Amino acid sequence: MRSPLHPIHAMLLAGTVPLFLGVLLSDITYSLSYEVQWKNFASWLIVGGLLFTGLALLWAVVDGLRADLPSDARRWLYPLLLLATFVVGFVNALVHAKDGWSSMPAGTVLSVIALILAAA
């Protein structure tokens, strides 16, 4: 039987979803208004999402290595999902670092993928 998440780990994990949701909403607003500040706001939200995801990933890896349970593939599914979220978020940060409209529509697509991975 799995033990419940530590409250701090749960807070880190729960912080990723609204941050990546904010990125997606900022990208949609930028595509509708052409106001560059929305793209800048999305870039900062990505940094926050990467921070929360990275800390949750670190916690999950340490927790997985300390577990007394026999090693199975399911135990590493959760850290791999967090790793995929972090990698997609990092690539999204690089895409959002482009100048102005050149980050669209790739930035929005990556934001959708990052949000789906964070929610999973």
C-alpha atoms as a PDB file:
ATOM      1  CA  MET A   1       0.000   0.000   0.000  1.00  0.00           C
ATOM      2  CA  ARG A   2       1.321   3.425  -0.948  1.00  0.00           C
ATOM      3  CA  SER A   3       1.757   6.048   1.702  1.00  0.00           C
ATOM      4  CA  PRO A   4       0.088   9.419   1.134  1.00  0.00           C
ATOM      5  CA  LEU A   5       2.113  12.329  -0.190  1.00  0.00           C
ATOM      6  CA  HIS A   6       3.868  14.575   2.274  1.00  0.00           C
ATOM      7  CA  PRO A   7       1.954  17.902   2.515  1.00  0.00           C
ATOM      8  CA  ILE A   8       4.887  19.923   1.154  1.00  0.00           C
ATOM      9  CA  HIS A   9       5.285  17.514  -1.772  1.00  0.00           C
ATOM     10  CA  ALA A  10       1.555  17.771  -2.469  1.00  0.00           C
ATOM     11  CA  MET A  11       1.808  21.585  -2.396  1.00  0.00           C
ATOM     12  CA  LEU A  12       4.693  21.539  -4.893  1.00  0.00           C
ATOM     13  CA  LEU A  13       2.802  19.159  -7.142  1.00  0.00           C
ATOM     14  CA  ALA A  14      -0.437  21.119  -6.918  1.00  0.00           C
ATOM     15  CA  GLY A  15       1.376  24.366  -7.735  1.00  0.00           C
ATOM     16  CA  THR A  16       2.373  23.187 -11.191  1.00  0.00           C
ATOM     17  CA  VAL A  17      -1.140  22.926 -12.649  1.00  0.00           C
ATOM     18  CA  PRO A  18      -2.315  26.525 -12.076  1.00  0.00           C
ATOM     19  CA  LEU A  19       1.022  27.914 -13.255  1.00  0.00           C
ATOM     20  CA  PHE A  20       0.963  25.975 -16.521  1.00  0.00           C
ATOM     21  CA  LEU A  21      -2.741  26.820 -16.903  1.00  0.00           C
ATOM     22  CA  GLY A  22      -1.800  30.485 -16.532  1.00  0.00           C
ATOM     23  CA  VAL A  23       0.803  30.037 -19.282  1.00  0.00           C
ATOM     24  CA  LEU A  24      -1.820  28.637 -21.634  1.00  0.00           C
ATOM     25  CA  LEU A  25      -4.305  31.408 -20.827  1.00  0.00           C
ATOM     26  CA  SER A  26      -1.596  34.044 -21.323  1.00  0.00           C
ATOM     27  CA  ASP A  27      -0.680  32.515 -24.686  1.00  0.00           C
ATOM     28  CA  ILE A  28      -4.312  32.544 -25.791  1.00  0.00           C
ATOM     29  CA  THR A  29      -4.703  36.154 -24.682  1.00  0.00           C
ATOM     30  CA  TYR A  30      -1.494  37.116 -26.496  1.00  0.00           C
ATOM     31  CA  SER A  31      -2.724  35.488 -29.694  1.00  0.00           C
ATOM     32  CA  LEU A  32      -5.969  37.483 -29.454  1.00  0.00           C
ATOM     33  CA  SER A  33      -4.573  40.862 -28.389  1.00  0.00           C
ATOM     34  CA  TYR A  34      -1.021  40.992 -29.826  1.00  0.00           C
ATOM     35  CA  GLU A  35       0.076  42.684 -26.579  1.00  0.00           C
ATOM     36  CA  VAL A  36       3.660  41.538 -25.919  1.00  0.00           C
ATOM     37  CA  GLN A  37       3.280  41.820 -22.140  1.00  0.00           C
ATOM     38  CA  TRP A  38       1.104  38.664 -22.183  1.00  0.00           C
ATOM     39  CA  LYS A  39       4.020  36.728 -23.691  1.00  0.00           C
ATOM     40  CA  ASN A  40       6.332  38.118 -21.027  1.00  0.00           C
ATOM     41  CA  PHE A  41       3.847  37.128 -18.339  1.00  0.00           C
ATOM     42  CA  ALA A  42       3.694  33.603 -19.799  1.00  0.00           C
ATOM     43  CA  SER A  43       7.491  33.398 -19.640  1.00  0.00           C
ATOM     44  CA  TRP A  44       7.486  34.210 -15.937  1.00  0.00           C
ATOM     45  CA  LEU A  45       4.724  31.697 -15.263  1.00  0.00           C
ATOM     46  CA  ILE A  46       6.793  29.045 -17.058  1.00  0.00           C
ATOM     47  CA  VAL A  47       9.702  29.782 -14.711  1.00  0.00           C
ATOM     48  CA  GLY A  48       7.405  29.294 -11.716  1.00  0.00           C
ATOM     49  CA  GLY A  49       6.023  26.073 -13.178  1.00  0.00           C
ATOM     50  CA  LEU A  50       9.532  24.768 -13.824  1.00  0.00           C
ATOM     51  CA  LEU A  51      10.571  25.611 -10.262  1.00  0.00           C
ATOM     52  CA  PHE A  52       7.623  23.747  -8.733  1.00  0.00           C
ATOM     53  CA  THR A  53       7.982  20.828 -11.165  1.00  0.00           C
ATOM     54  CA  GLY A  54      11.727  20.556 -10.561  1.00  0.00           C
ATOM     55  CA  LEU A  55      11.329  20.499  -6.794  1.00  0.00           C
ATOM     56  CA  ALA A  56       8.509  17.942  -6.999  1.00  0.00           C
ATOM     57  CA  LEU A  57      10.651  15.838  -9.355  1.00  0.00           C
ATOM     58  CA  LEU A  58      13.606  15.963  -6.982  1.00  0.00           C
ATOM     59  CA  TRP A  59      11.362  14.954  -4.093  1.00  0.00           C
ATOM     60  CA  ALA A  60       9.837  12.084  -6.098  1.00  0.00           C
ATOM     61  CA  VAL A  61      13.236  10.710  -7.145  1.00  0.00           C
ATOM     62  CA  VAL A  62      14.595  10.824  -3.587  1.00  0.00           C
ATOM     63  CA  ASP A  63      11.388   9.254  -2.288  1.00  0.00           C
ATOM     64  CA  GLY A  64      11.598   6.538  -4.964  1.00  0.00           C
ATOM     65  CA  LEU A  65      15.192   5.725  -4.098  1.00  0.00           C
ATOM     66  CA  ARG A  66      14.439   5.518  -0.369  1.00  0.00           C
ATOM     67  CA  ALA A  67      11.405   3.226  -0.777  1.00  0.00           C
ATOM     68  CA  ASP A  68      11.588  -0.219   0.783  1.00  0.00           C
ATOM     69  CA  LEU A  69       9.204  -1.636  -1.788  1.00  0.00           C
ATOM     70  CA  PRO A  70      10.452  -4.025  -4.453  1.00  0.00           C
ATOM     71  CA  SER A  71      11.463  -2.263  -7.629  1.00  0.00           C
ATOM     72  CA  ASP A  72       8.785  -2.215 -10.301  1.00  0.00           C
ATOM     73  CA  ALA A  73       8.065  -0.078 -13.327  1.00  0.00           C
ATOM     74  CA  ARG A  74       4.987   1.601 -11.830  1.00  0.00           C
ATOM     75  CA  ARG A  75       7.021   3.233  -9.076  1.00  0.00           C
ATOM     76  CA  TRP A  76       8.998   5.215 -11.660  1.00  0.00           C
ATOM     77  CA  LEU A  77       5.997   6.277 -13.770  1.00  0.00           C
ATOM     78  CA  TYR A  78       5.318   9.300 -11.532  1.00  0.00           C
ATOM     79  CA  PRO A  79       8.895  10.696 -11.662  1.00  0.00           C
ATOM     80  CA  LEU A  80       9.010  10.067 -15.434  1.00  0.00           C
ATOM     81  CA  LEU A  81       5.796  12.054 -15.884  1.00  0.00           C
ATOM     82  CA  LEU A  82       7.295  14.885 -13.852  1.00  0.00           C
ATOM     83  CA  LEU A  83      10.481  14.683 -15.932  1.00  0.00           C
ATOM     84  CA  ALA A  84       8.457  14.869 -19.157  1.00  0.00           C
ATOM     85  CA  THR A  85       6.577  17.886 -17.779  1.00  0.00           C
ATOM     86  CA  PHE A  86       9.864  19.579 -16.877  1.00  0.00           C
ATOM     87  CA  VAL A  87      11.426  18.899 -20.299  1.00  0.00           C
ATOM     88  CA  VAL A  88       8.376  20.156 -22.214  1.00  0.00           C
ATOM     89  CA  GLY A  89       8.204  23.198 -19.920  1.00  0.00           C
ATOM     90  CA  PHE A  90      11.890  23.928 -20.493  1.00  0.00           C
ATOM     91  CA  VAL A  91      11.499  23.697 -24.274  1.00  0.00           C
ATOM     92  CA  ASN A  92       8.444  25.944 -23.928  1.00  0.00           C
ATOM     93  CA  ALA A  93      10.592  28.471 -22.039  1.00  0.00           C
ATOM     94  CA  LEU A  94      13.103  28.445 -24.896  1.00  0.00           C
ATOM     95  CA  VAL A  95      10.327  28.956 -27.459  1.00  0.00           C
ATOM     96  CA  HIS A  96       8.874  31.831 -25.410  1.00  0.00           C
ATOM     97  CA  ALA A  97      12.341  33.453 -25.336  1.00  0.00           C
ATOM     98  CA  LYS A  98      11.994  34.181 -29.047  1.00  0.00           C
ATOM     99  CA  ASP A  99      11.119  37.662 -30.171  1.00  0.00           C
ATOM    100  CA  GLY A 100       7.456  38.582 -30.315  1.00  0.00           C
ATOM    101  CA  TRP A 101       5.118  36.680 -32.607  1.00  0.00           C
ATOM    102  CA  SER A 102       7.778  34.144 -33.667  1.00  0.00           C
ATOM    103  CA  SER A 103       6.945  32.060 -30.586  1.00  0.00           C
ATOM    104  CA  MET A 104       3.429  31.382 -31.883  1.00  0.00           C
ATOM    105  CA  PRO A 105       1.811  28.851 -32.430  1.00  0.00           C
ATOM    106  CA  ALA A 106       4.552  26.542 -31.107  1.00  0.00           C
ATOM    107  CA  GLY A 107       4.410  28.218 -27.690  1.00  0.00           C
ATOM    108  CA  THR A 108       0.688  27.606 -27.359  1.00  0.00           C
ATOM    109  CA  VAL A 109       0.984  23.964 -28.445  1.00  0.00           C
ATOM    110  CA  LEU A 110       3.781  23.353 -25.937  1.00  0.00           C
ATOM    111  CA  SER A 111       1.719  25.087 -23.247  1.00  0.00           C
ATOM    112  CA  VAL A 112      -1.170  22.685 -23.888  1.00  0.00           C
ATOM    113  CA  ILE A 113       1.166  19.672 -23.715  1.00  0.00           C
ATOM    114  CA  ALA A 114       2.802  20.930 -20.510  1.00  0.00           C
ATOM    115  CA  LEU A 115      -0.597  21.514 -18.894  1.00  0.00           C
ATOM    116  CA  ILE A 116      -1.821  18.029 -19.821  1.00  0.00           C
ATOM    117  CA  LEU A 117       1.356  16.444 -18.453  1.00  0.00           C
ATOM    118  CA  ALA A 118       1.157  18.493 -15.244  1.00  0.00           C
ATOM    119  CA  ALA A 119      -2.472  17.511 -14.731  1.00  0.00           C
ATOM    120  CA  ALA A 120      -1.718  13.834 -15.371  1.00  0.00           C
END
